[in-house]
Amino acid sequence: MWEVVIGTVKGILAGAICGAITALLGYAKSSTVEDFDPKKARQTIIVGAIVGGIAGYQGWTYQQAYEWASSTGVIVIVEYIKKAILRRLGYEV
C-alpha cells in the first residue's frame, strides 16, 4: 500500500515540476514580449500535478497518463473543477 502512496506522491511532484517547466517554456517561446502571467503558470502546474498523480498511481509514464487523461476528458474536467475552486476562493481565472 505504501508503495502506491509513495508512487502517487512522487508522480504529483514530478507532474508539478513538469507543469512549471512547461509554463516557463511557454513564456520563453512567446513571440511577443509579454509579462509573465502567474495565473497561466498556476493552471499549468495544477494540471501537471494531477496528471503526475495519475501516472504515479497507475505506474505509467507521464506521457501515458497525459494521453489517457486527454482522451478520456479528465483534463477538461480538471480544468472545470480547478476554475470553479479558484473562483470560489476569490481568484480571477
Protein backbone atom coordinates (compact mmCIF):
# COMPACT_ATOMS: atom_id res chain seq x y z
CA MET A 1 0.00 0.00 0.00
CA TRP A 2 2.75 2.46 0.88
CA GLU A 3 4.36 1.83 -2.49
CA VAL A 4 1.22 3.16 -4.18
CA VAL A 5 1.11 6.22 -1.91
CA ILE A 6 4.79 6.97 -2.43
CA GLY A 7 4.46 6.44 -6.19
CA THR A 8 1.47 8.76 -6.31
CA VAL A 9 3.21 11.49 -4.29
CA LYS A 10 6.32 11.20 -6.47
CA GLY A 11 4.09 11.44 -9.54
CA ILE A 12 2.35 14.55 -8.22
CA LEU A 13 5.69 16.24 -7.52
CA ALA A 14 7.12 15.22 -10.90
CA GLY A 15 3.96 16.41 -12.63
CA ALA A 16 4.07 19.75 -10.84
CA ILE A 17 7.70 20.18 -11.89
CA CYS A 18 6.79 19.26 -15.49
CA GLY A 19 3.96 21.80 -15.33
CA ALA A 20 6.31 24.50 -14.04
CA ILE A 21 8.83 23.77 -16.78
CA THR A 22 6.07 23.81 -19.41
CA ALA A 23 4.79 27.15 -18.10
CA LEU A 24 8.26 28.69 -18.18
CA LEU A 25 8.98 27.35 -21.67
CA GLY A 26 5.61 28.64 -22.86
CA TYR A 27 6.51 32.08 -21.53
CA ALA A 28 10.01 31.93 -23.07
CA LYS A 29 8.73 30.95 -26.52
CA SER A 30 6.16 33.73 -26.65
CA SER A 31 6.55 35.63 -29.92
CA THR A 32 5.53 38.89 -28.28
CA VAL A 33 7.05 40.48 -25.26
CA GLU A 34 4.53 39.89 -22.51
CA ASP A 35 4.76 39.86 -18.76
CA PHE A 36 4.93 36.53 -17.01
CA ASP A 37 1.39 35.54 -16.04
CA PRO A 38 1.37 33.60 -12.75
CA LYS A 39 -2.29 32.63 -13.36
CA LYS A 40 -1.38 30.73 -16.51
CA ALA A 41 1.60 29.16 -14.78
CA ARG A 42 -0.50 28.12 -11.77
CA GLN A 43 -3.06 26.44 -14.02
CA THR A 44 -0.39 24.52 -15.93
CA ILE A 45 1.26 23.38 -12.70
CA ILE A 46 -2.07 22.16 -11.25
CA VAL A 47 -2.89 20.13 -14.36
CA GLY A 48 0.65 18.76 -14.41
CA ALA A 49 0.35 17.68 -10.78
CA ILE A 50 -2.96 15.90 -11.44
CA VAL A 51 -1.56 14.08 -14.47
CA GLY A 52 1.57 13.23 -12.49
CA GLY A 53 -0.57 11.81 -9.68
CA ILE A 54 -2.39 9.61 -12.19
CA ALA A 55 0.94 8.46 -13.60
CA GLY A 56 2.33 7.64 -10.16
CA TYR A 57 -0.82 5.83 -9.06
CA GLN A 58 -1.10 3.75 -12.22
CA GLY A 59 2.65 3.17 -12.62
CA TRP A 60 2.60 4.86 -16.03
CA THR A 61 4.95 7.36 -17.60
CA TYR A 62 3.85 10.98 -17.55
CA GLN A 63 3.21 10.81 -21.30
CA GLN A 64 0.98 7.72 -20.95
CA ALA A 65 -1.01 9.40 -18.19
CA TYR A 66 -1.36 12.62 -20.19
CA GLU A 67 -2.58 10.74 -23.28
CA TRP A 68 -5.08 8.79 -21.18
CA ALA A 69 -6.28 11.92 -19.37
CA SER A 70 -6.64 13.80 -22.66
CA SER A 71 -8.51 11.05 -24.47
CA THR A 72 -10.93 10.38 -21.63
CA GLY A 73 -11.68 14.04 -20.90
CA VAL A 74 -10.07 14.04 -17.47
CA ILE A 75 -8.03 17.15 -18.28
CA VAL A 76 -11.16 19.08 -19.27
CA ILE A 77 -12.89 18.02 -16.05
CA VAL A 78 -9.81 19.01 -14.01
CA GLU A 79 -9.83 22.41 -15.75
CA TYR A 80 -13.51 22.97 -14.88
CA ILE A 81 -13.10 21.87 -11.26
CA LYS A 82 -9.90 23.89 -10.85
CA LYS A 83 -11.55 27.04 -12.21
CA ALA A 84 -14.64 26.56 -10.03
CA ILE A 85 -12.50 26.19 -6.91
CA LEU A 86 -10.31 29.18 -7.76
CA ARG A 87 -13.38 31.34 -8.40
CA ARG A 88 -14.86 30.27 -5.04
CA LEU A 89 -11.61 31.27 -3.38
CA GLY A 90 -11.86 34.71 -4.98
CA TYR A 91 -9.17 34.34 -7.64
CA GLU A 92 -9.60 35.63 -11.18
CA VAL A 93 -9.47 32.83 -13.71
